[in-house]
C-alpha atoms as a PDB file:
ATOM      1  CA  UNK A   1      -4.860   5.417 -20.462  1.00  0.00           C
ATOM      2  CA  UNK A   2      -8.005   6.198 -22.473  1.00  0.00           C
ATOM      3  CA  UNK A   3      -8.805   9.372 -20.512  1.00  0.00           C
ATOM      4  CA  UNK A   4      -6.971  12.599 -19.642  1.00  0.00           C
ATOM      5  CA  UNK A   5      -5.007  12.773 -16.417  1.00  0.00           C
ATOM      6  CA  UNK A   6      -6.011  15.846 -14.400  1.00  0.00           C
ATOM      7  CA  UNK A   7      -3.235  18.409 -14.016  1.00  0.00           C
ATOM      8  CA  UNK A   8      -3.830  18.418 -10.264  1.00  0.00           C
ATOM      9  CA  UNK A   9      -2.909  14.719 -10.189  1.00  0.00           C
ATOM     10  CA  UNK A  10       0.049  15.142 -12.538  1.00  0.00           C
ATOM     11  CA  UNK A  11       1.516  17.739 -10.164  1.00  0.00           C
ATOM     12  CA  UNK A  12       1.565  15.107  -7.393  1.00  0.00           C
ATOM     13  CA  UNK A  13       2.931  12.065  -9.213  1.00  0.00           C
ATOM     14  CA  UNK A  14       4.517  13.598 -12.299  1.00  0.00           C
ATOM     15  CA  UNK A  15       2.692  11.279 -14.706  1.00  0.00           C
ATOM     16  CA  UNK A  16       1.269  12.892 -17.836  1.00  0.00           C
ATOM     17  CA  UNK A  17      -0.974  11.680 -20.634  1.00  0.00           C
ATOM     18  CA  UNK A  18       1.965  11.046 -22.963  1.00  0.00           C
ATOM     19  CA  UNK A  19       3.494   8.622 -20.439  1.00  0.00           C
ATOM     20  CA  UNK A  20       0.449   6.332 -20.486  1.00  0.00           C
ATOM     21  CA  UNK A  21      -0.511   6.690 -24.150  1.00  0.00           C
ATOM     22  CA  UNK A  22       0.789   3.191 -25.006  1.00  0.00           C
ATOM     23  CA  UNK A  23      -0.327   1.528 -21.751  1.00  0.00           C
ATOM     24  CA  UNK A  24      -2.723  -1.420 -22.015  1.00  0.00           C
ATOM     25  CA  UNK A  25      -6.368  -1.006 -21.050  1.00  0.00           C
ATOM     26  CA  UNK A  26      -7.243  -1.528 -17.395  1.00  0.00           C
ATOM     27  CA  UNK A  27      -8.771  -4.970 -18.009  1.00  0.00           C
ATOM     28  CA  UNK A  28      -5.498  -6.214 -19.526  1.00  0.00           C
ATOM     29  CA  UNK A  29      -3.284  -4.598 -16.877  1.00  0.00           C
ATOM     30  CA  UNK A  30      -5.377  -5.981 -14.006  1.00  0.00           C
ATOM     31  CA  UNK A  31      -5.418  -9.478 -15.498  1.00  0.00           C
ATOM     32  CA  UNK A  32      -1.608  -9.287 -15.742  1.00  0.00           C
ATOM     33  CA  UNK A  33      -1.398  -8.059 -12.158  1.00  0.00           C
ATOM     34  CA  UNK A  34      -3.673 -10.863 -10.955  1.00  0.00           C
ATOM     35  CA  UNK A  35      -1.414 -13.459 -12.620  1.00  0.00           C
ATOM     36  CA  UNK A  36       1.675 -11.769 -11.175  1.00  0.00           C
ATOM     37  CA  UNK A  37       0.224 -11.836  -7.646  1.00  0.00           C
ATOM     38  CA  UNK A  38      -0.961 -15.419  -7.757  1.00  0.00           C
ATOM     39  CA  UNK A  39      -1.784 -16.400  -4.194  1.00  0.00           C
ATOM     40  CA  UNK A  40       0.849 -14.142  -2.620  1.00  0.00           C
ATOM     41  CA  UNK A  41       0.221 -11.987   0.404  1.00  0.00           C
ATOM     42  CA  UNK A  42       0.281  -8.378  -0.763  1.00  0.00           C
ATOM     43  CA  UNK A  43       2.044  -5.681   1.239  1.00  0.00           C
ATOM     44  CA  UNK A  44       1.271  -2.028   0.718  1.00  0.00           C
ATOM     45  CA  UNK A  45       1.052   1.277   2.480  1.00  0.00           C
ATOM     46  CA  UNK A  46      -2.530   2.340   3.114  1.00  0.00           C
ATOM     47  CA  UNK A  47      -3.271  -0.620   0.858  1.00  0.00           C
ATOM     48  CA  UNK A  48      -7.010  -0.524   1.462  1.00  0.00           C
ATOM     49  CA  UNK A  49      -7.118   2.694  -0.553  1.00  0.00           C
ATOM     50  CA  UNK A  50      -5.576   0.968  -3.580  1.00  0.00           C
ATOM     51  CA  UNK A  51      -7.601  -2.213  -3.201  1.00  0.00           C
ATOM     52  CA  UNK A  52     -10.816  -0.179  -3.158  1.00  0.00           C
ATOM     53  CA  UNK A  53      -9.998   1.187  -6.615  1.00  0.00           C
ATOM     54  CA  UNK A  54      -9.471  -2.362  -7.886  1.00  0.00           C
ATOM     55  CA  UNK A  55     -12.701  -3.520  -6.265  1.00  0.00           C
ATOM     56  CA  UNK A  56     -14.654  -0.717  -7.943  1.00  0.00           C
ATOM     57  CA  UNK A  57     -13.390  -1.958 -11.336  1.00  0.00           C
ATOM     58  CA  UNK A  58     -14.220  -5.657 -10.758  1.00  0.00           C
ATOM     59  CA  UNK A  59     -17.483  -5.521 -12.698  1.00  0.00           C
ATOM     60  CA  UNK A  60     -15.944  -3.657 -15.607  1.00  0.00           C
ATOM     61  CA  UNK A  61     -12.793  -5.775 -15.884  1.00  0.00           C
ATOM     62  CA  UNK A  62     -13.883  -9.161 -14.571  1.00  0.00           C
ATOM     63  CA  UNK A  63     -10.769  -9.214 -12.383  1.00  0.00           C
ATOM     64  CA  UNK A  64     -11.122  -9.611  -8.622  1.00  0.00           C
ATOM     65  CA  UNK A  65      -7.946  -9.240  -6.550  1.00  0.00           C
ATOM     66  CA  UNK A  66      -8.813 -11.109  -3.345  1.00  0.00           C
ATOM     67  CA  UNK A  67      -5.328 -11.663  -1.968  1.00  0.00           C
ATOM     68  CA  UNK A  68      -4.623 -11.224   1.700  1.00  0.00           C
ATOM     69  CA  UNK A  69      -3.073  -7.779   2.147  1.00  0.00           C
ATOM     70  CA  UNK A  70      -0.896  -6.353   4.915  1.00  0.00           C
ATOM     71  CA  UNK A  71      -0.885  -2.616   5.468  1.00  0.00           C
ATOM     72  CA  UNK A  72       2.361  -1.003   6.620  1.00  0.00           C
ATOM     73  CA  UNK A  73       0.396   1.986   7.908  1.00  0.00           C
ATOM     74  CA  UNK A  74      -1.578  -0.263  10.269  1.00  0.00           C
ATOM     75  CA  UNK A  75       1.544  -2.218  11.263  1.00  0.00           C
ATOM     76  CA  UNK A  76       3.202   1.122  12.067  1.00  0.00           C
ATOM     77  CA  UNK A  77       0.292   2.010  14.339  1.00  0.00           C
ATOM     78  CA  UNK A  78       0.798  -1.304  16.155  1.00  0.00           C
ATOM     79  CA  UNK A  79       4.568  -0.953  16.480  1.00  0.00           C
ATOM     80  CA  UNK A  80       4.742   2.756  17.270  1.00  0.00           C
ATOM     81  CA  UNK A  81       1.384   3.859  18.704  1.00  0.00           C
ATOM     82  CA  UNK A  82       2.885   6.979  20.300  1.00  0.00           C
ATOM     83  CA  UNK A  83       3.926   8.441  16.945  1.00  0.00           C
ATOM     84  CA  UNK A  84       1.498  10.716  15.134  1.00  0.00           C
ATOM     85  CA  UNK A  85       2.987  10.315  11.653  1.00  0.00           C
ATOM     86  CA  UNK A  86       2.217   6.952  10.078  1.00  0.00           C
ATOM     87  CA  UNK A  87       2.660   8.188   6.510  1.00  0.00           C
ATOM     88  CA  UNK A  88       5.102   6.284   4.334  1.00  0.00           C
ATOM     89  CA  UNK A  89       7.463   9.262   4.420  1.00  0.00           C
ATOM     90  CA  UNK A  90       7.185   9.496   8.209  1.00  0.00           C
ATOM     91  CA  UNK A  91       7.862   5.809   8.765  1.00  0.00           C
ATOM     92  CA  UNK A  92      10.795   5.788   6.346  1.00  0.00           C
ATOM     93  CA  UNK A  93      12.293   8.832   8.083  1.00  0.00           C
ATOM     94  CA  UNK A  94      11.834   7.187  11.502  1.00  0.00           C
ATOM     95  CA  UNK A  95      13.617   4.067  10.226  1.00  0.00           C
ATOM     96  CA  UNK A  96      16.421   6.014   8.526  1.00  0.00           C
ATOM     97  CA  UNK A  97      15.391   4.888   5.046  1.00  0.00           C
ATOM     98  CA  UNK A  98      15.624   7.069   1.943  1.00  0.00           C
ATOM     99  CA  UNK A  99      12.257   8.046   0.510  1.00  0.00           C
ATOM    100  CA  UNK A 100      12.765   9.471  -2.987  1.00  0.00           C
ATOM    101  CA  UNK A 101      10.612   9.802  -6.107  1.00  0.00           C
ATOM    102  CA  UNK A 102       7.439   9.462  -4.059  1.00  0.00           C
ATOM    103  CA  UNK A 103       4.109   8.861  -5.741  1.00  0.00           C
ATOM    104  CA  UNK A 104       5.745   6.773  -8.452  1.00  0.00           C
ATOM    105  CA  UNK A 105       4.810   3.088  -8.414  1.00  0.00           C
ATOM    106  CA  UNK A 106       8.272   1.528  -8.372  1.00  0.00           C
ATOM    107  CA  UNK A 107       9.763   4.029  -5.919  1.00  0.00           C
ATOM    108  CA  UNK A 108       6.808   3.680  -3.544  1.00  0.00           C
ATOM    109  CA  UNK A 109       6.946  -0.113  -3.799  1.00  0.00           C
ATOM    110  CA  UNK A 110      10.671  -0.149  -3.044  1.00  0.00           C
ATOM    111  CA  UNK A 111      10.416   2.065   0.043  1.00  0.00           C
ATOM    112  CA  UNK A 112       7.367   0.114   1.249  1.00  0.00           C
ATOM    113  CA  UNK A 113       9.335  -3.132   0.893  1.00  0.00           C
ATOM    114  CA  UNK A 114      12.288  -1.678   2.811  1.00  0.00           C
ATOM    115  CA  UNK A 115       9.940  -0.399   5.526  1.00  0.00           C
ATOM    116  CA  UNK A 116       8.258  -3.793   5.796  1.00  0.00           C
ATOM    117  CA  UNK A 117      11.600  -5.612   6.147  1.00  0.00           C
ATOM    118  CA  UNK A 118      12.486  -3.297   9.044  1.00  0.00           C
ATOM    119  CA  UNK A 119       9.036  -3.821  10.498  1.00  0.00           C
ATOM    120  CA  UNK A 120       9.529  -7.581  10.477  1.00  0.00           C
ATOM    121  CA  UNK A 121      12.604  -7.104  12.657  1.00  0.00           C
ATOM    122  CA  UNK A 122      10.645  -4.871  15.057  1.00  0.00           C
ATOM    123  CA  UNK A 123       7.697  -7.289  15.079  1.00  0.00           C
ATOM    124  CA  UNK A 124       9.970 -10.183  16.005  1.00  0.00           C
ATOM    125  CA  UNK A 125      11.234  -8.096  18.906  1.00  0.00           C
ATOM    126  CA  UNK A 126       7.622  -7.773  20.072  1.00  0.00           C
ATOM    127  CA  UNK A 127       7.026 -11.532  19.777  1.00  0.00           C
ATOM    128  CA  UNK A 128       5.022 -11.295  16.540  1.00  0.00           C
ATOM    129  CA  UNK A 129       6.618 -14.082  14.508  1.00  0.00           C
ATOM    130  CA  UNK A 130       3.806 -15.579  12.417  1.00  0.00           C
ATOM    131  CA  UNK A 131       1.427 -14.271   9.794  1.00  0.00           C
ATOM    132  CA  UNK A 132      -1.496 -15.107  12.079  1.00  0.00           C
ATOM    133  CA  UNK A 133       0.001 -13.091  14.924  1.00  0.00           C
ATOM    134  CA  UNK A 134       0.628 -10.175  12.562  1.00  0.00           C
ATOM    135  CA  UNK A 135      -2.976 -10.290  11.348  1.00  0.00           C
ATOM    136  CA  UNK A 136      -4.237 -10.237  14.943  1.00  0.00           C
ATOM    137  CA  UNK A 137      -1.932  -7.320  15.799  1.00  0.00           C
ATOM    138  CA  UNK A 138      -3.068  -5.472  12.673  1.00  0.00           C
ATOM    139  CA  UNK A 139      -6.748  -5.968  13.531  1.00  0.00           C
ATOM    140  CA  UNK A 140      -6.120  -4.645  17.024  1.00  0.00           C
ATOM    141  CA  UNK A 141      -4.215  -1.593  15.721  1.00  0.00           C
ATOM    142  CA  UNK A 142      -6.922  -0.899  13.122  1.00  0.00           C
ATOM    143  CA  UNK A 143      -9.668  -1.037  15.769  1.00  0.00           C
ATOM    144  CA  UNK A 144      -7.724   1.329  18.021  1.00  0.00           C
ATOM    145  CA  UNK A 145      -7.131   3.736  15.111  1.00  0.00           C
ATOM    146  CA  UNK A 146     -10.810   3.696  14.189  1.00  0.00           C
ATOM    147  CA  UNK A 147     -11.728   4.362  17.812  1.00  0.00           C
ATOM    148  CA  UNK A 148      -9.443   7.402  17.851  1.00  0.00           C
ATOM    149  CA  UNK A 149     -10.652   8.810  14.527  1.00  0.00           C
ATOM    150  CA  UNK A 150     -12.231  12.242  14.659  1.00  0.00           C
ATOM    151  CA  UNK A 151     -15.092  12.759  12.237  1.00  0.00           C
END
């Protein structure tokens, strides 16, 4: 809201200016999101990307989302290090989950939730049964991924 959506973006997610014309300003939406989240652990796919956008807007909105966040992309790298595709679509396909209406908030959230539920089952099979153990595994997978990055 309050600025035009580039056509190049609209082609990806299908959201046009008319769809957000009545949306609240960012400061209101983020304050609502912060209340919704409370002290919950957030789960997202490539969640650092999204959290960076929120962080950039902290000064403007006065809202700081500081919740602990788990990244299904990183968890995928821990669980299936031999796979090259750790995209949300790739993980969903590997797990036999439908992945429709991508790049829409609710659809992406639903497939991410379904992926994470399946991941919990796989994590338990690997002996990862606590949040602390998952955080350690995620840190390890992130460090390995960074070490393999080609710049």
